[in-house]
């Protein structure tokens, strides 16, 4: 992975606005690469089969947790 000078500058700006500290170009590059690596490991698009399974499971859980009986 490679970050452009523009990407590094954007990361420095975001870091400054969020943490109130300036970081060097080298630190911004290193942190930016680490963030991209983390995102590539954490984010994986799911297949249609996986999506269908999650939706089915979610509906079953909601049905079980929210089945109310009328109070008389």
N, C-alpha and C. Protein backbone atom coordinates (compact mmCIF):
# COMPACT_ATOMS: atom_id res chain seq x y z
N UNK A 1 0.83 -1.17 0.00
CA UNK A 1 0.00 0.00 0.00
C UNK A 1 0.88 1.24 0.00
N UNK A 2 0.41 2.23 -0.72
CA UNK A 2 1.15 3.47 -0.80
C UNK A 2 0.17 4.62 -0.58
N UNK A 3 0.58 5.59 0.20
CA UNK A 3 -0.22 6.79 0.40
C UNK A 3 0.42 7.94 -0.37
N UNK A 4 -0.40 8.70 -1.05
CA UNK A 4 0.11 9.85 -1.79
C UNK A 4 0.41 10.99 -0.80
N UNK A 5 1.13 12.00 -1.26
CA UNK A 5 1.40 13.16 -0.42
C UNK A 5 0.10 13.83 0.01
N UNK A 6 -0.89 13.83 -0.88
CA UNK A 6 -2.19 14.42 -0.57
C UNK A 6 -2.90 13.62 0.54
N UNK A 7 -2.79 12.28 0.46
CA UNK A 7 -3.38 11.43 1.50
C UNK A 7 -2.72 11.68 2.86
N UNK A 8 -1.41 11.81 2.84
CA UNK A 8 -0.67 12.04 4.08
C UNK A 8 -1.07 13.39 4.68
N UNK A 9 -1.17 14.42 3.84
CA UNK A 9 -1.57 15.75 4.31
C UNK A 9 -2.99 15.69 4.89
N UNK A 10 -3.89 14.96 4.23
CA UNK A 10 -5.25 14.82 4.74
C UNK A 10 -5.25 14.12 6.10
N UNK A 11 -4.43 13.09 6.23
CA UNK A 11 -4.34 12.39 7.51
C UNK A 11 -3.81 13.32 8.60
N UNK A 12 -2.79 14.12 8.27
CA UNK A 12 -2.25 15.07 9.24
C UNK A 12 -3.34 16.07 9.67
N UNK A 13 -4.12 16.55 8.71
CA UNK A 13 -5.19 17.50 9.02
C UNK A 13 -6.26 16.86 9.91
N UNK A 14 -6.65 15.64 9.59
CA UNK A 14 -7.64 14.93 10.40
C UNK A 14 -7.11 14.68 11.81
N UNK A 15 -5.85 14.29 11.91
CA UNK A 15 -5.25 14.03 13.21
C UNK A 15 -5.23 15.31 14.05
N UNK A 16 -4.83 16.41 13.42
CA UNK A 16 -4.77 17.69 14.13
C UNK A 16 -6.16 18.11 14.60
N UNK A 17 -7.17 17.95 13.73
CA UNK A 17 -8.52 18.39 14.11
C UNK A 17 -9.14 17.50 15.19
N UNK A 18 -8.75 16.23 15.23
CA UNK A 18 -9.32 15.31 16.22
C UNK A 18 -8.55 15.26 17.53
N UNK A 19 -7.23 15.43 17.46
CA UNK A 19 -6.41 15.27 18.66
C UNK A 19 -5.69 16.55 19.08
N UNK A 20 -5.76 17.60 18.27
CA UNK A 20 -5.13 18.87 18.62
C UNK A 20 -3.62 18.84 18.62
N UNK A 21 -3.02 17.86 17.95
CA UNK A 21 -1.57 17.74 17.90
C UNK A 21 -1.11 17.62 16.45
N UNK A 22 0.05 18.19 16.19
CA UNK A 22 0.67 18.05 14.87
C UNK A 22 1.48 16.75 14.85
N UNK A 23 1.45 16.06 13.73
CA UNK A 23 2.32 14.88 13.59
C UNK A 23 3.14 15.05 12.31
N UNK A 24 4.30 14.44 12.32
CA UNK A 24 5.20 14.54 11.18
C UNK A 24 4.64 13.77 9.98
N UNK A 25 5.20 14.05 8.83
CA UNK A 25 4.80 13.34 7.62
C UNK A 25 5.06 11.84 7.76
N UNK A 26 6.18 11.50 8.38
CA UNK A 26 6.54 10.09 8.57
C UNK A 26 5.55 9.39 9.51
N UNK A 27 5.20 10.07 10.61
CA UNK A 27 4.23 9.49 11.55
C UNK A 27 2.85 9.36 10.90
N UNK A 28 2.47 10.36 10.12
CA UNK A 28 1.18 10.31 9.43
C UNK A 28 1.16 9.16 8.42
N UNK A 29 2.26 8.98 7.71
CA UNK A 29 2.33 7.88 6.74
C UNK A 29 2.21 6.53 7.45
N UNK A 30 2.98 6.37 8.52
CA UNK A 30 2.96 5.10 9.25
C UNK A 30 1.58 4.81 9.84
N UNK A 31 0.98 5.82 10.47
CA UNK A 31 -0.35 5.64 11.06
C UNK A 31 -1.40 5.40 9.99
N UNK A 32 -1.29 6.09 8.87
CA UNK A 32 -2.23 5.90 7.77
C UNK A 32 -2.16 4.50 7.18
N UNK A 33 -0.95 3.99 7.02
CA UNK A 33 -0.77 2.63 6.50
C UNK A 33 -1.35 1.63 7.49
N UNK A 34 -1.11 1.83 8.78
CA UNK A 34 -1.65 0.93 9.80
C UNK A 34 -3.18 0.94 9.78
N UNK A 35 -3.76 2.13 9.63
CA UNK A 35 -5.22 2.24 9.57
C UNK A 35 -5.78 1.52 8.35
N UNK A 36 -5.14 1.70 7.20
CA UNK A 36 -5.59 1.02 5.99
C UNK A 36 -5.47 -0.50 6.14
N UNK A 37 -4.40 -0.95 6.75
CA UNK A 37 -4.22 -2.40 6.97
C UNK A 37 -5.31 -2.95 7.89
N UNK A 38 -5.59 -2.22 8.96
CA UNK A 38 -6.64 -2.63 9.88
C UNK A 38 -7.99 -2.72 9.16
N UNK A 39 -8.29 -1.70 8.35
CA UNK A 39 -9.56 -1.69 7.62
C UNK A 39 -9.63 -2.84 6.63
N UNK A 40 -8.52 -3.15 5.97
CA UNK A 40 -8.55 -4.25 5.00
C UNK A 40 -8.74 -5.60 5.69
N UNK A 41 -8.27 -5.72 6.93
CA UNK A 41 -8.47 -6.96 7.68
C UNK A 41 -9.87 -7.04 8.26
N UNK A 42 -10.40 -5.90 8.72
CA UNK A 42 -11.69 -5.90 9.41
C UNK A 42 -12.87 -5.90 8.44
N UNK A 43 -12.71 -5.24 7.30
CA UNK A 43 -13.83 -5.12 6.37
C UNK A 43 -13.74 -6.19 5.30
N UNK A 44 -14.77 -6.99 5.24
CA UNK A 44 -14.85 -8.00 4.19
C UNK A 44 -16.30 -8.03 3.73
N UNK A 45 -16.56 -7.66 2.50
CA UNK A 45 -17.94 -7.71 2.03
C UNK A 45 -18.50 -9.13 2.18
N UNK A 46 -19.77 -9.22 2.56
CA UNK A 46 -20.35 -10.55 2.72
C UNK A 46 -21.04 -10.99 1.44
N UNK A 47 -21.10 -12.28 1.29
CA UNK A 47 -21.79 -12.85 0.13
C UNK A 47 -23.29 -12.76 0.34
N UNK A 48 -24.04 -12.98 -0.72
CA UNK A 48 -25.50 -12.97 -0.61
C UNK A 48 -25.98 -14.05 0.36
N UNK A 49 -25.32 -15.20 0.34
CA UNK A 49 -25.68 -16.30 1.25
C UNK A 49 -25.47 -15.88 2.70
N UNK A 50 -24.32 -15.25 2.99
CA UNK A 50 -24.05 -14.78 4.35
C UNK A 50 -25.07 -13.72 4.78
N UNK A 51 -25.40 -12.81 3.87
CA UNK A 51 -26.37 -11.77 4.16
C UNK A 51 -27.74 -12.37 4.48
N UNK A 52 -28.17 -13.32 3.67
CA UNK A 52 -29.46 -13.98 3.90
C UNK A 52 -29.49 -14.68 5.25
N UNK A 53 -28.39 -15.34 5.61
CA UNK A 53 -28.31 -16.01 6.91
C UNK A 53 -28.43 -15.01 8.06
N UNK A 54 -27.73 -13.90 7.96
CA UNK A 54 -27.77 -12.88 9.02
C UNK A 54 -29.18 -12.31 9.14
N UNK A 55 -29.82 -12.03 8.01
CA UNK A 55 -31.16 -11.47 8.05
C UNK A 55 -32.16 -12.45 8.67
N UNK A 56 -32.05 -13.72 8.31
CA UNK A 56 -32.93 -14.74 8.87
C UNK A 56 -32.73 -14.84 10.39
N UNK A 57 -31.47 -14.88 10.81
CA UNK A 57 -31.14 -14.97 12.24
C UNK A 57 -31.66 -13.75 13.00
N UNK A 58 -31.48 -12.57 12.42
CA UNK A 58 -31.94 -11.33 13.05
C UNK A 58 -33.45 -11.34 13.25
N UNK A 59 -34.18 -11.78 12.24
CA UNK A 59 -35.64 -11.83 12.34
C UNK A 59 -36.09 -12.83 13.41
N UNK A 60 -35.39 -13.95 13.52
CA UNK A 60 -35.74 -14.94 14.55
C UNK A 60 -35.51 -14.37 15.95
N UNK A 61 -34.41 -13.69 16.14
CA UNK A 61 -34.11 -13.09 17.44
C UNK A 61 -35.13 -12.02 17.79
N UNK A 62 -35.45 -11.16 16.82
CA UNK A 62 -36.42 -10.10 17.09
C UNK A 62 -37.79 -10.69 17.40
N UNK A 63 -38.18 -11.73 16.68
CA UNK A 63 -39.47 -12.37 16.92
C UNK A 63 -39.52 -12.94 18.34
N UNK A 64 -38.44 -13.59 18.76
CA UNK A 64 -38.39 -14.19 20.09
C UNK A 64 -38.39 -13.14 21.20
N UNK A 65 -37.72 -12.04 20.98
CA UNK A 65 -37.58 -11.02 22.02
C UNK A 65 -38.74 -10.04 22.07
N UNK A 66 -39.52 -9.95 21.02
CA UNK A 66 -40.57 -8.94 20.98
C UNK A 66 -41.96 -9.54 20.73
N UNK A 67 -42.17 -10.74 21.15
CA UNK A 67 -43.52 -11.31 21.03
C UNK A 67 -44.28 -10.99 22.32
N UNK A 68 -45.17 -10.01 22.20
CA UNK A 68 -45.92 -9.55 23.36
C UNK A 68 -47.29 -10.19 23.39
N UNK A 69 -47.73 -10.45 24.58
CA UNK A 69 -49.09 -10.92 24.77
C UNK A 69 -49.90 -9.75 25.34
N UNK A 70 -51.12 -9.59 24.88
CA UNK A 70 -51.91 -8.47 25.37
C UNK A 70 -52.18 -8.57 26.87
N UNK A 71 -52.17 -7.44 27.52
CA UNK A 71 -52.47 -7.38 28.96
C UNK A 71 -53.97 -7.16 29.10
N UNK A 72 -54.62 -8.02 29.83
CA UNK A 72 -56.07 -7.91 29.98
C UNK A 72 -56.43 -7.55 31.40
